Amino acid sequence: MNKKQVLLPFIDYQVGKQVTDRIREVLDIKSVRALAETADMSSSTITTWHQRKKCPFDLAIRSHLHKGVSLKWLLLGEGSPYPNAATHEYQGKDSETKKLIDIDLFWLKNGKLARDGTMTLDQFLLDELSITNVIAIREGDQTYIVDQEAQQAVSGTYLVDFDGLYSVNDIQRLPDQQLAIDFKGAPLVVGEHELKVSGQIVLRMSRE
């Protein structure tokens, strides 16, 4: 072995119910049976993880990719579910202590997302909107706050990945798993499987 090679440290992963409880928390799922249905697996598989004290690595990774939740938090119980959303406090003119949160900010240009630091919001605003996993997207003079947990289009404005290119579009769900998408006034009907919904726009801000 090369003398400069550093061995990977051993990690004491948490197991069974410790991990699945956190997965249910971020997915807002109340029961093991509902978790099994959501993950398309049998309840007995999850029960086996609990009884044999096994770590559900695959389910944790799937939750991480789907929700953006921290694997360190899921598997070790350390840190916060969404560490990129740093929080800090400030004291307003009324001497009331308020909480601010820094969220990831991206520029949307030519269908690509480019990281551009962070944007600071009042935690009260996110609490009012009942969202936790959010990012900000800037496109031209518009800034969008995107709820990344909303990954199935119903009716509203969404950040979508269509053929590998991102865009912000109004979407209306139609029968038979069809979606009507507005592309700057040009309507298009596609199958739900033809695009990926990356989040719903919950707040739009304009610079005048």
N, C-alpha and C. Protein backbone atom coordinates (compact mmCIF):
# COMPACT_ATOMS: atom_id res chain seq x y z
N MET A 1 0.84 -1.19 0.00
CA MET A 1 0.00 0.00 0.00
C MET A 1 0.88 1.25 0.00
N ASN A 2 0.51 2.22 -0.80
CA ASN A 2 1.24 3.48 -0.84
C ASN A 2 1.25 4.14 0.53
N LYS A 3 2.43 4.59 0.98
CA LYS A 3 2.54 5.17 2.31
C LYS A 3 1.69 6.43 2.46
N LYS A 4 1.42 7.10 1.35
CA LYS A 4 0.64 8.33 1.42
C LYS A 4 -0.87 8.06 1.42
N GLN A 5 -1.24 6.82 1.16
CA GLN A 5 -2.66 6.50 1.09
C GLN A 5 -3.28 6.55 2.48
N VAL A 6 -4.42 7.20 2.59
CA VAL A 6 -5.11 7.33 3.87
C VAL A 6 -6.31 6.40 3.87
N LEU A 7 -6.39 5.56 4.89
CA LEU A 7 -7.51 4.64 5.00
C LEU A 7 -8.79 5.39 5.34
N LEU A 8 -9.88 4.95 4.73
CA LEU A 8 -11.16 5.55 5.07
C LEU A 8 -11.54 5.15 6.49
N PRO A 9 -12.00 6.09 7.29
CA PRO A 9 -12.36 5.76 8.68
C PRO A 9 -13.61 4.89 8.75
N PHE A 10 -13.71 4.09 9.77
CA PHE A 10 -14.90 3.29 10.02
C PHE A 10 -16.03 4.20 10.49
N ILE A 11 -17.23 3.98 9.98
CA ILE A 11 -18.39 4.81 10.36
C ILE A 11 -19.42 3.95 11.07
N ASP A 12 -19.83 4.39 12.23
CA ASP A 12 -20.82 3.66 13.03
C ASP A 12 -22.22 4.14 12.64
N TYR A 13 -22.75 3.56 11.55
CA TYR A 13 -24.07 3.94 11.08
C TYR A 13 -25.14 3.55 12.08
N GLN A 14 -26.17 4.37 12.18
CA GLN A 14 -27.32 3.98 12.97
C GLN A 14 -28.15 2.99 12.16
N VAL A 15 -29.05 2.30 12.83
CA VAL A 15 -29.73 1.18 12.17
C VAL A 15 -31.24 1.22 12.41
N GLY A 16 -31.91 0.36 11.64
CA GLY A 16 -33.32 0.09 11.83
C GLY A 16 -34.21 1.30 12.00
N LYS A 17 -34.96 1.28 13.11
CA LYS A 17 -35.99 2.28 13.36
C LYS A 17 -35.41 3.69 13.51
N GLN A 18 -34.17 3.80 13.97
CA GLN A 18 -33.54 5.12 14.10
C GLN A 18 -33.52 5.83 12.75
N VAL A 19 -33.19 5.08 11.71
CA VAL A 19 -33.08 5.67 10.37
C VAL A 19 -34.45 5.81 9.71
N THR A 20 -35.27 4.78 9.79
CA THR A 20 -36.58 4.85 9.11
C THR A 20 -37.48 5.90 9.74
N ASP A 21 -37.32 6.17 11.03
CA ASP A 21 -38.11 7.23 11.66
C ASP A 21 -37.75 8.59 11.06
N ARG A 22 -36.46 8.80 10.81
CA ARG A 22 -36.04 10.07 10.22
C ARG A 22 -36.50 10.17 8.76
N ILE A 23 -36.47 9.04 8.06
CA ILE A 23 -36.95 9.04 6.68
C ILE A 23 -38.45 9.37 6.65
N ARG A 24 -39.20 8.79 7.57
CA ARG A 24 -40.64 9.10 7.64
C ARG A 24 -40.86 10.57 7.99
N GLU A 25 -39.98 11.11 8.82
CA GLU A 25 -40.12 12.52 9.21
C GLU A 25 -39.97 13.44 8.01
N VAL A 26 -38.93 13.25 7.20
CA VAL A 26 -38.71 14.16 6.06
C VAL A 26 -39.72 13.93 4.95
N LEU A 27 -40.25 12.71 4.86
CA LEU A 27 -41.26 12.42 3.84
C LEU A 27 -42.67 12.70 4.34
N ASP A 28 -42.79 13.09 5.62
CA ASP A 28 -44.08 13.36 6.25
C ASP A 28 -45.01 12.16 6.13
N ILE A 29 -44.48 11.00 6.53
CA ILE A 29 -45.22 9.74 6.49
C ILE A 29 -45.43 9.25 7.91
N LYS A 30 -46.66 8.87 8.23
CA LYS A 30 -47.01 8.56 9.61
C LYS A 30 -46.75 7.13 10.04
N SER A 31 -46.77 6.18 9.11
CA SER A 31 -46.67 4.78 9.50
C SER A 31 -45.66 4.02 8.64
N VAL A 32 -45.22 2.87 9.16
CA VAL A 32 -44.31 2.00 8.41
C VAL A 32 -44.99 1.49 7.15
N ARG A 33 -46.27 1.17 7.27
CA ARG A 33 -47.01 0.67 6.10
C ARG A 33 -47.04 1.72 4.98
N ALA A 34 -47.28 2.98 5.36
CA ALA A 34 -47.31 4.05 4.36
C ALA A 34 -45.93 4.26 3.75
N LEU A 35 -44.88 4.10 4.57
CA LEU A 35 -43.51 4.22 4.05
C LEU A 35 -43.24 3.12 3.03
N ALA A 36 -43.67 1.90 3.34
CA ALA A 36 -43.47 0.78 2.43
C ALA A 36 -44.17 1.03 1.09
N GLU A 37 -45.38 1.57 1.16
CA GLU A 37 -46.13 1.86 -0.08
C GLU A 37 -45.43 2.94 -0.89
N THR A 38 -44.94 3.97 -0.21
CA THR A 38 -44.25 5.05 -0.90
C THR A 38 -42.96 4.56 -1.56
N ALA A 39 -42.26 3.65 -0.87
CA ALA A 39 -40.98 3.14 -1.38
C ALA A 39 -41.15 1.93 -2.30
N ASP A 40 -42.41 1.50 -2.50
CA ASP A 40 -42.71 0.35 -3.35
C ASP A 40 -41.97 -0.89 -2.87
N MET A 41 -42.15 -1.18 -1.58
CA MET A 41 -41.57 -2.39 -1.00
C MET A 41 -42.54 -2.95 0.03
N SER A 42 -42.25 -4.13 0.54
CA SER A 42 -43.14 -4.74 1.52
C SER A 42 -42.87 -4.22 2.92
N SER A 43 -43.91 -4.18 3.74
CA SER A 43 -43.75 -3.77 5.13
C SER A 43 -42.83 -4.71 5.88
N SER A 44 -42.84 -5.98 5.48
CA SER A 44 -42.00 -6.98 6.16
C SER A 44 -40.51 -6.67 5.98
N THR A 45 -40.15 -6.07 4.85
CA THR A 45 -38.75 -5.70 4.63
C THR A 45 -38.31 -4.67 5.66
N ILE A 46 -39.14 -3.67 5.90
CA ILE A 46 -38.82 -2.64 6.88
C ILE A 46 -38.80 -3.23 8.28
N THR A 47 -39.75 -4.12 8.57
CA THR A 47 -39.78 -4.77 9.88
C THR A 47 -38.52 -5.58 10.12
N THR A 48 -38.02 -6.23 9.07
CA THR A 48 -36.78 -7.00 9.18
C THR A 48 -35.60 -6.10 9.52
N TRP A 49 -35.55 -4.92 8.88
CA TRP A 49 -34.48 -3.96 9.21
C TRP A 49 -34.53 -3.62 10.70
N HIS A 50 -35.73 -3.43 11.22
CA HIS A 50 -35.87 -3.07 12.62
C HIS A 50 -35.43 -4.22 13.53
N GLN A 51 -35.92 -5.42 13.23
CA GLN A 51 -35.64 -6.57 14.09
C GLN A 51 -34.17 -6.98 14.05
N ARG A 52 -33.57 -6.93 12.89
CA ARG A 52 -32.17 -7.37 12.75
C ARG A 52 -31.17 -6.21 12.86
N LYS A 53 -31.69 -5.03 13.15
CA LYS A 53 -30.85 -3.85 13.34
C LYS A 53 -29.94 -3.62 12.13
N LYS A 54 -30.58 -3.59 10.96
CA LYS A 54 -29.89 -3.33 9.71
C LYS A 54 -30.09 -1.87 9.28
N CYS A 55 -29.10 -1.33 8.62
CA CYS A 55 -29.21 0.04 8.13
C CYS A 55 -29.81 0.04 6.73
N PRO A 56 -30.91 0.74 6.51
CA PRO A 56 -31.55 0.78 5.19
C PRO A 56 -30.86 1.77 4.25
N PHE A 57 -29.65 1.41 3.82
CA PHE A 57 -28.85 2.33 3.00
C PHE A 57 -29.57 2.75 1.73
N ASP A 58 -30.14 1.78 1.02
CA ASP A 58 -30.78 2.09 -0.26
C ASP A 58 -31.91 3.10 -0.09
N LEU A 59 -32.74 2.90 0.92
CA LEU A 59 -33.87 3.80 1.15
C LEU A 59 -33.38 5.18 1.57
N ALA A 60 -32.30 5.22 2.34
CA ALA A 60 -31.74 6.51 2.75
C ALA A 60 -31.20 7.28 1.53
N ILE A 61 -30.52 6.57 0.65
CA ILE A 61 -29.97 7.23 -0.55
C ILE A 61 -31.10 7.71 -1.45
N ARG A 62 -32.13 6.90 -1.60
CA ARG A 62 -33.27 7.30 -2.41
C ARG A 62 -33.94 8.56 -1.83
N SER A 63 -34.05 8.61 -0.51
CA SER A 63 -34.64 9.78 0.15
C SER A 63 -33.75 11.01 -0.05
N HIS A 64 -32.44 10.80 0.02
CA HIS A 64 -31.49 11.89 -0.19
C HIS A 64 -31.61 12.46 -1.61
N LEU A 65 -31.67 11.60 -2.60
CA LEU A 65 -31.76 12.05 -3.99
C LEU A 65 -33.11 12.70 -4.29
N HIS A 66 -34.15 12.21 -3.62
CA HIS A 66 -35.49 12.73 -3.87
C HIS A 66 -35.75 14.06 -3.17
N LYS A 67 -35.25 14.19 -1.93
CA LYS A 67 -35.58 15.35 -1.11
C LYS A 67 -34.42 16.32 -0.87
N GLY A 68 -33.21 15.88 -1.19
CA GLY A 68 -32.06 16.73 -0.90
C GLY A 68 -31.67 16.73 0.56
N VAL A 69 -32.20 15.78 1.32
CA VAL A 69 -31.92 15.72 2.76
C VAL A 69 -30.52 15.15 3.00
N SER A 70 -29.88 15.58 4.07
CA SER A 70 -28.51 15.19 4.38
C SER A 70 -28.40 13.70 4.72
N LEU A 71 -27.47 12.99 4.05
CA LEU A 71 -27.22 11.59 4.39
C LEU A 71 -26.61 11.47 5.78
N LYS A 72 -25.80 12.45 6.16
CA LYS A 72 -25.18 12.43 7.50
C LYS A 72 -26.26 12.46 8.57
N TRP A 73 -27.28 13.26 8.34
CA TRP A 73 -28.39 13.34 9.30
C TRP A 73 -29.21 12.05 9.27
N LEU A 74 -29.49 11.53 8.08
CA LEU A 74 -30.29 10.31 7.97
C LEU A 74 -29.60 9.11 8.59
N LEU A 75 -28.31 8.93 8.29
CA LEU A 75 -27.62 7.70 8.67
C LEU A 75 -26.90 7.78 10.02
N LEU A 76 -26.56 8.99 10.45
CA LEU A 76 -25.81 9.14 11.70
C LEU A 76 -26.56 9.93 12.76
N GLY A 77 -27.61 10.63 12.35
CA GLY A 77 -28.33 11.46 13.30
C GLY A 77 -27.56 12.72 13.67
N GLU A 78 -26.63 13.14 12.82
CA GLU A 78 -25.80 14.30 13.11
C GLU A 78 -26.14 15.47 12.18
N GLY A 79 -25.99 16.68 12.71
CA GLY A 79 -26.24 17.86 11.91
C GLY A 79 -27.73 18.12 11.75
N SER A 80 -28.08 18.76 10.64
CA SER A 80 -29.48 19.10 10.37
C SER A 80 -29.92 18.45 9.06
N PRO A 81 -31.23 18.29 8.86
CA PRO A 81 -31.71 17.66 7.62
C PRO A 81 -31.27 18.40 6.37
N TYR A 82 -31.24 19.72 6.43
CA TYR A 82 -30.88 20.52 5.27
C TYR A 82 -29.77 21.50 5.67
N PRO A 83 -28.53 21.02 5.75
CA PRO A 83 -27.43 21.85 6.26
C PRO A 83 -27.09 23.05 5.40
N ASN A 84 -27.46 23.03 4.12
CA ASN A 84 -27.16 24.18 3.26
C ASN A 84 -28.04 25.38 3.58
N ALA A 85 -29.12 25.11 4.32
CA ALA A 85 -30.01 26.21 4.72
C ALA A 85 -29.60 26.69 6.11
N ALA A 86 -28.52 27.45 6.18
CA ALA A 86 -27.99 27.92 7.46
C ALA A 86 -28.90 28.98 8.06
N THR A 87 -29.05 28.95 9.38
CA THR A 87 -29.90 29.93 10.05
C THR A 87 -29.07 30.80 10.99
N HIS A 88 -29.52 32.04 11.18
CA HIS A 88 -28.90 32.92 12.15
C HIS A 88 -29.96 33.91 12.62
N GLU A 89 -29.69 34.59 13.71
CA GLU A 89 -30.68 35.46 14.32
C GLU A 89 -30.26 36.92 14.23
N TYR A 90 -31.27 37.81 14.27
CA TYR A 90 -30.98 39.24 14.36
C TYR A 90 -32.07 39.87 15.20
N GLN A 91 -31.80 41.05 15.70
CA GLN A 91 -32.74 41.75 16.56
C GLN A 91 -33.28 42.96 15.81
N GLY A 92 -34.60 42.98 15.62
CA GLY A 92 -35.23 44.06 14.89
C GLY A 92 -35.39 45.32 15.72
N LYS A 93 -36.00 46.35 15.11
CA LYS A 93 -36.19 47.63 15.78
C LYS A 93 -37.09 47.50 16.99
N ASP A 94 -37.98 46.50 16.97
CA ASP A 94 -38.89 46.31 18.10
C ASP A 94 -38.28 45.44 19.19
N SER A 95 -36.96 45.19 19.08
CA SER A 95 -36.21 44.37 20.05
C SER A 95 -36.62 42.91 20.03
N GLU A 96 -37.42 42.53 19.05
CA GLU A 96 -37.82 41.12 18.93
C GLU A 96 -36.75 40.36 18.15
N THR A 97 -36.35 39.22 18.69
CA THR A 97 -35.34 38.40 18.00
C THR A 97 -35.99 37.63 16.87
N LYS A 98 -35.44 37.79 15.66
CA LYS A 98 -35.98 37.10 14.49
C LYS A 98 -34.94 36.14 13.95
N LYS A 99 -35.41 35.16 13.21
CA LYS A 99 -34.50 34.16 12.64
C LYS A 99 -34.44 34.31 11.14
N LEU A 100 -33.22 34.35 10.62
CA LEU A 100 -32.99 34.40 9.18
C LEU A 100 -32.46 33.05 8.71
N ILE A 101 -32.69 32.76 7.44
CA ILE A 101 -32.20 31.50 6.87
C ILE A 101 -31.55 31.78 5.53
N ASP A 102 -30.37 31.20 5.31
CA ASP A 102 -29.66 31.34 4.03
C ASP A 102 -29.98 30.13 3.16
N ILE A 103 -30.47 30.38 1.96
CA ILE A 103 -30.79 29.30 1.03
C ILE A 103 -29.93 29.42 -0.22
N ASP A 104 -29.70 28.31 -0.88
CA ASP A 104 -28.88 28.29 -2.09
C ASP A 104 -29.55 29.11 -3.20
N LEU A 105 -28.74 29.91 -3.88
CA LEU A 105 -29.22 30.76 -4.97
C LEU A 105 -28.59 30.34 -6.29
N PHE A 106 -29.41 30.23 -7.34
CA PHE A 106 -28.93 29.83 -8.67
C PHE A 106 -29.42 30.83 -9.71
N TRP A 107 -28.61 31.01 -10.75
CA TRP A 107 -29.03 31.74 -11.95
C TRP A 107 -29.54 30.73 -12.97
N LEU A 108 -30.64 31.04 -13.59
CA LEU A 108 -31.19 30.20 -14.66
C LEU A 108 -30.98 30.94 -15.98
N LYS A 109 -30.13 30.37 -16.84
CA LYS A 109 -29.84 31.00 -18.12
C LYS A 109 -29.59 29.93 -19.17
N ASN A 110 -30.24 30.07 -20.30
CA ASN A 110 -30.11 29.11 -21.42
C ASN A 110 -30.36 27.67 -20.97
N GLY A 111 -31.31 27.51 -20.07
CA GLY A 111 -31.70 26.17 -19.64
C GLY A 111 -30.79 25.54 -18.61
N LYS A 112 -29.77 26.26 -18.14
CA LYS A 112 -28.82 25.71 -17.17
C LYS A 112 -28.91 26.48 -15.85
N LEU A 113 -28.66 25.76 -14.75
CA LEU A 113 -28.62 26.37 -13.42
C LEU A 113 -27.18 26.54 -13.00
N ALA A 114 -26.82 27.75 -12.59
CA ALA A 114 -25.46 28.04 -12.13
C ALA A 114 -25.53 28.58 -10.71
N ARG A 115 -24.77 27.97 -9.82
CA ARG A 115 -24.76 28.38 -8.40
C ARG A 115 -24.23 29.81 -8.29
N ASP A 116 -24.92 30.62 -7.45
CA ASP A 116 -24.53 32.02 -7.30
C ASP A 116 -24.63 32.44 -5.84
N GLY A 117 -24.06 31.62 -4.95
CA GLY A 117 -24.04 31.98 -3.53
C GLY A 117 -25.33 31.64 -2.81
N THR A 118 -25.72 32.51 -1.89
CA THR A 118 -26.92 32.26 -1.09
C THR A 118 -27.81 33.50 -1.07
N MET A 119 -29.05 33.28 -0.65
CA MET A 119 -30.01 34.37 -0.48
C MET A 119 -30.59 34.24 0.92
N THR A 120 -30.75 35.36 1.60
CA THR A 120 -31.23 35.35 2.98
C THR A 120 -32.71 35.72 3.05
N LEU A 121 -33.48 34.87 3.74
CA LEU A 121 -34.91 35.10 3.93
C LEU A 121 -35.25 35.06 5.41
N ASP A 122 -36.38 35.63 5.76
CA ASP A 122 -36.89 35.54 7.12
C ASP A 122 -37.51 34.15 7.30
N GLN A 123 -37.12 33.44 8.35
CA GLN A 123 -37.66 32.10 8.60
C GLN A 123 -39.18 32.13 8.71
N PHE A 124 -39.72 33.25 9.21
CA PHE A 124 -41.17 33.39 9.36
C PHE A 124 -41.88 33.20 8.02
N LEU A 125 -41.27 33.72 6.96
CA LEU A 125 -41.87 33.60 5.63
C LEU A 125 -41.99 32.14 5.22
N LEU A 126 -40.91 31.36 5.43
CA LEU A 126 -40.94 29.95 5.05
C LEU A 126 -41.93 29.17 5.92
N ASP A 127 -42.02 29.55 7.19
CA ASP A 127 -42.98 28.90 8.08
C ASP A 127 -44.41 29.18 7.61
N GLU A 128 -44.66 30.42 7.17
CA GLU A 128 -45.98 30.78 6.66
C GLU A 128 -46.34 29.97 5.42
N LEU A 129 -45.33 29.68 4.60
CA LEU A 129 -45.55 28.90 3.38
C LEU A 129 -45.52 27.40 3.63
N SER A 130 -45.16 27.01 4.88
CA SER A 130 -45.08 25.59 5.28
C SER A 130 -44.11 24.81 4.41
N ILE A 131 -42.93 25.38 4.17
CA ILE A 131 -41.90 24.72 3.36
C ILE A 131 -40.58 24.74 4.11
N THR A 132 -39.72 23.77 3.83
CA THR A 132 -38.42 23.67 4.49
C THR A 132 -37.27 23.53 3.49
N ASN A 133 -37.46 22.71 2.47
CA ASN A 133 -36.40 22.42 1.52
C ASN A 133 -36.54 23.31 0.30
N VAL A 134 -35.89 24.48 0.32
CA VAL A 134 -36.10 25.47 -0.72
C VAL A 134 -34.79 25.96 -1.32
N ILE A 135 -34.87 26.45 -2.54
CA ILE A 135 -33.77 27.16 -3.19
C ILE A 135 -34.36 28.40 -3.85
N ALA A 136 -33.47 29.33 -4.24
CA ALA A 136 -33.89 30.52 -4.98
C ALA A 136 -33.32 30.46 -6.38
N ILE A 137 -34.13 30.85 -7.36
CA ILE A 137 -33.73 30.85 -8.77
C ILE A 137 -33.92 32.26 -9.31
N ARG A 138 -32.88 32.81 -9.96
CA ARG A 138 -32.99 34.10 -10.62
C ARG A 138 -32.97 33.91 -12.13
N GLU A 139 -33.92 34.56 -12.79
CA GLU A 139 -33.99 34.54 -14.25
C GLU A 139 -34.39 35.94 -14.71
N GLY A 140 -33.45 36.64 -15.34
CA GLY A 140 -33.72 38.01 -15.72
C GLY A 140 -33.97 38.87 -14.49
N ASP A 141 -35.11 39.59 -14.48
CA ASP A 141 -35.44 40.43 -13.33
C ASP A 141 -36.37 39.73 -12.35
N GLN A 142 -36.53 38.41 -12.53
CA GLN A 142 -37.40 37.63 -11.65
C GLN A 142 -36.58 36.76 -10.70
N THR A 143 -37.03 36.67 -9.45
CA THR A 143 -36.45 35.74 -8.49
C THR A 143 -37.56 34.83 -7.99
N TYR A 144 -37.33 33.52 -8.06
CA TYR A 144 -38.33 32.55 -7.66
C TYR A 144 -37.85 31.79 -6.41
N ILE A 145 -38.75 31.58 -5.47
CA ILE A 145 -38.48 30.69 -4.35
C ILE A 145 -39.13 29.35 -4.68
N VAL A 146 -38.31 28.30 -4.68
CA VAL A 146 -38.75 27.00 -5.18
C VAL A 146 -38.83 25.99 -4.04
N ASP A 147 -40.00 25.40 -3.87
CA ASP A 147 -40.20 24.31 -2.91
C ASP A 147 -39.77 23.01 -3.59
N GLN A 148 -38.60 22.49 -3.20
CA GLN A 148 -38.06 21.31 -3.86
C GLN A 148 -38.79 20.02 -3.49
N GLU A 149 -39.64 20.09 -2.48
CA GLU A 149 -40.36 18.89 -2.08
C GLU A 149 -41.56 18.62 -2.98
N ALA A 150 -42.01 19.64 -3.72
CA ALA A 150 -43.15 19.48 -4.62
C ALA A 150 -42.62 18.98 -5.96
N GLN A 151 -42.61 17.68 -6.15
CA GLN A 151 -42.03 17.09 -7.35
C GLN A 151 -43.06 16.37 -8.22
N GLN A 152 -44.32 16.73 -8.00
CA GLN A 152 -45.38 16.22 -8.87
C GLN A 152 -46.29 17.39 -9.22
N ALA A 153 -46.40 17.68 -10.50
CA ALA A 153 -47.17 18.84 -10.93
C ALA A 153 -48.67 18.59 -10.80
N VAL A 154 -49.37 19.57 -10.24
CA VAL A 154 -50.83 19.52 -10.16
C VAL A 154 -51.39 20.72 -10.92
N SER A 155 -51.25 21.90 -10.34
CA SER A 155 -51.64 23.13 -11.01
C SER A 155 -50.86 24.28 -10.39
N GLY A 156 -50.12 25.02 -11.21
CA GLY A 156 -49.32 26.11 -10.69
C GLY A 156 -48.10 26.34 -11.56
N THR A 157 -47.10 27.01 -10.99
CA THR A 157 -45.86 27.31 -11.70
C THR A 157 -44.75 26.45 -11.12
N TYR A 158 -43.96 25.80 -11.99
CA TYR A 158 -42.97 24.83 -11.55
C TYR A 158 -41.63 25.05 -12.24
N LEU A 159 -40.58 24.59 -11.57
CA LEU A 159 -39.25 24.47 -12.18
C LEU A 159 -39.18 23.07 -12.75
N VAL A 160 -39.00 22.97 -14.07
CA VAL A 160 -39.04 21.66 -14.72
C VAL A 160 -37.75 21.40 -15.49
N ASP A 161 -37.41 20.14 -15.59
CA ASP A 161 -36.27 19.67 -16.37
C ASP A 161 -36.86 18.94 -17.58
N PHE A 162 -36.75 19.57 -18.74
CA PHE A 162 -37.33 19.02 -19.96
C PHE A 162 -36.22 18.78 -20.96
N ASP A 163 -35.93 17.51 -21.24
CA ASP A 163 -34.83 17.14 -22.14
C ASP A 163 -33.49 17.69 -21.68
N GLY A 164 -33.28 17.72 -20.36
CA GLY A 164 -32.00 18.17 -19.81
C GLY A 164 -31.85 19.67 -19.68
N LEU A 165 -32.92 20.42 -20.00
CA LEU A 165 -32.89 21.87 -19.88
C LEU A 165 -33.94 22.33 -18.88
N TYR A 166 -33.55 23.25 -18.00
CA TYR A 166 -34.46 23.76 -16.97
C TYR A 166 -35.24 24.97 -17.49
N SER A 167 -36.46 25.09 -17.00
CA SER A 167 -37.27 26.27 -17.30
C SER A 167 -38.35 26.41 -16.23
N VAL A 168 -38.91 27.61 -16.11
CA VAL A 168 -40.01 27.88 -15.19
C VAL A 168 -41.28 28.01 -16.02
N ASN A 169 -42.26 27.15 -15.75
CA ASN A 169 -43.46 27.10 -16.59
C ASN A 169 -44.72 26.92 -15.76
N ASP A 170 -45.82 27.46 -16.28
CA ASP A 170 -47.14 27.19 -15.71
C ASP A 170 -47.59 25.82 -16.21
N ILE A 171 -48.11 25.01 -15.29
CA ILE A 171 -48.53 23.65 -15.65
C ILE A 171 -49.94 23.40 -15.11
N GLN A 172 -50.74 22.73 -15.90
CA GLN A 172 -52.07 22.28 -15.48
C GLN A 172 -52.18 20.79 -15.75
N ARG A 173 -52.52 20.02 -14.71
CA ARG A 173 -52.67 18.58 -14.89
C ARG A 173 -53.96 18.28 -15.65
N LEU A 174 -53.85 17.34 -16.61
CA LEU A 174 -54.98 16.88 -17.41
C LEU A 174 -55.26 15.41 -17.12
N PRO A 175 -56.38 14.88 -17.59
CA PRO A 175 -56.64 13.45 -17.41
C PRO A 175 -55.60 12.57 -18.09
N ASP A 176 -55.53 11.31 -17.68
CA ASP A 176 -54.66 10.30 -18.28
C ASP A 176 -53.18 10.66 -18.17
N GLN A 177 -52.80 11.25 -17.02
CA GLN A 177 -51.39 11.56 -16.73
C GLN A 177 -50.77 12.48 -17.79
N GLN A 178 -51.58 13.41 -18.28
CA GLN A 178 -51.10 14.40 -19.24
C GLN A 178 -50.93 15.76 -18.53
N LEU A 179 -49.98 16.55 -19.01
CA LEU A 179 -49.73 17.87 -18.45
C LEU A 179 -49.78 18.91 -19.56
N ALA A 180 -50.50 20.00 -19.31
CA ALA A 180 -50.52 21.13 -20.23
C ALA A 180 -49.51 22.16 -19.73
N ILE A 181 -48.48 22.44 -20.54
CA ILE A 181 -47.40 23.33 -20.14
C ILE A 181 -47.42 24.57 -21.01
N ASP A 182 -47.27 25.73 -20.38
CA ASP A 182 -47.22 26.99 -21.12
C ASP A 182 -45.77 27.39 -21.34
N PHE A 183 -45.34 27.45 -22.59
CA PHE A 183 -44.00 27.92 -22.95
C PHE A 183 -44.12 29.31 -23.57
N LYS A 184 -44.16 30.33 -22.68
CA LYS A 184 -44.24 31.73 -23.11
C LYS A 184 -45.40 31.95 -24.08
N GLY A 185 -46.56 31.45 -23.70
CA GLY A 185 -47.76 31.65 -24.50
C GLY A 185 -48.05 30.54 -25.49
N ALA A 186 -47.10 29.63 -25.68
CA ALA A 186 -47.31 28.50 -26.59
C ALA A 186 -47.61 27.25 -25.78
N PRO A 187 -48.85 26.78 -25.76
CA PRO A 187 -49.21 25.61 -24.96
C PRO A 187 -48.68 24.32 -25.57
N LEU A 188 -48.32 23.39 -24.70
CA LEU A 188 -47.82 22.09 -25.13
C LEU A 188 -48.35 21.05 -24.17
N VAL A 189 -48.86 19.94 -24.69
CA VAL A 189 -49.36 18.85 -23.87
C VAL A 189 -48.38 17.68 -23.96
N VAL A 190 -47.91 17.22 -22.81
CA VAL A 190 -46.95 16.12 -22.77
C VAL A 190 -47.38 15.11 -21.71
N GLY A 191 -46.81 13.92 -21.81
CA GLY A 191 -47.05 12.92 -20.78
C GLY A 191 -46.25 13.25 -19.53
N GLU A 192 -46.79 12.89 -18.38
CA GLU A 192 -46.14 13.19 -17.12
C GLU A 192 -44.72 12.64 -17.07
N HIS A 193 -44.49 11.49 -17.70
CA HIS A 193 -43.18 10.84 -17.68
C HIS A 193 -42.15 11.54 -18.57
N GLU A 194 -42.57 12.50 -19.39
CA GLU A 194 -41.67 13.13 -20.35
C GLU A 194 -40.85 14.27 -19.76
N LEU A 195 -41.15 14.67 -18.54
CA LEU A 195 -40.38 15.73 -17.90
C LEU A 195 -40.21 15.43 -16.42
N LYS A 196 -39.27 16.15 -15.82
CA LYS A 196 -39.02 16.00 -14.39
C LYS A 196 -39.36 17.31 -13.70
N VAL A 197 -40.22 17.23 -12.71
CA VAL A 197 -40.57 18.41 -11.91
C VAL A 197 -39.55 18.54 -10.79
N SER A 198 -38.83 19.65 -10.74
CA SER A 198 -37.79 19.86 -9.73
C SER A 198 -38.25 20.70 -8.56
N GLY A 199 -39.47 21.20 -8.62
CA GLY A 199 -40.01 21.97 -7.51
C GLY A 199 -41.10 22.92 -7.97
N GLN A 200 -41.86 23.42 -7.02
CA GLN A 200 -42.94 24.35 -7.33
C GLN A 200 -42.55 25.77 -6.90
N ILE A 201 -42.90 26.75 -7.71
CA ILE A 201 -42.64 28.14 -7.38
C ILE A 201 -43.69 28.58 -6.35
N VAL A 202 -43.23 28.92 -5.15
CA VAL A 202 -44.15 29.34 -4.10
C VAL A 202 -44.13 30.84 -3.86
N LEU A 203 -43.12 31.51 -4.42
CA LEU A 203 -43.05 32.96 -4.27
C LEU A 203 -42.26 33.52 -5.46
N ARG A 204 -42.77 34.63 -6.01
CA ARG A 204 -42.13 35.27 -7.15
C ARG A 204 -41.86 36.73 -6.79
N MET A 205 -40.62 37.17 -7.00
CA MET A 205 -40.27 38.57 -6.71
C MET A 205 -39.68 39.20 -7.96
N SER A 206 -40.06 40.47 -8.20
CA SER A 206 -39.59 41.18 -9.40
C SER A 206 -38.79 42.41 -9.00
N ARG A 207 -37.76 42.71 -9.82
CA ARG A 207 -36.98 43.92 -9.64
C ARG A 207 -37.47 44.95 -10.64
N GLU A 208 -37.90 46.09 -10.15
CA GLU A 208 -38.43 47.12 -11.04
C GLU A 208 -37.43 48.27 -11.21
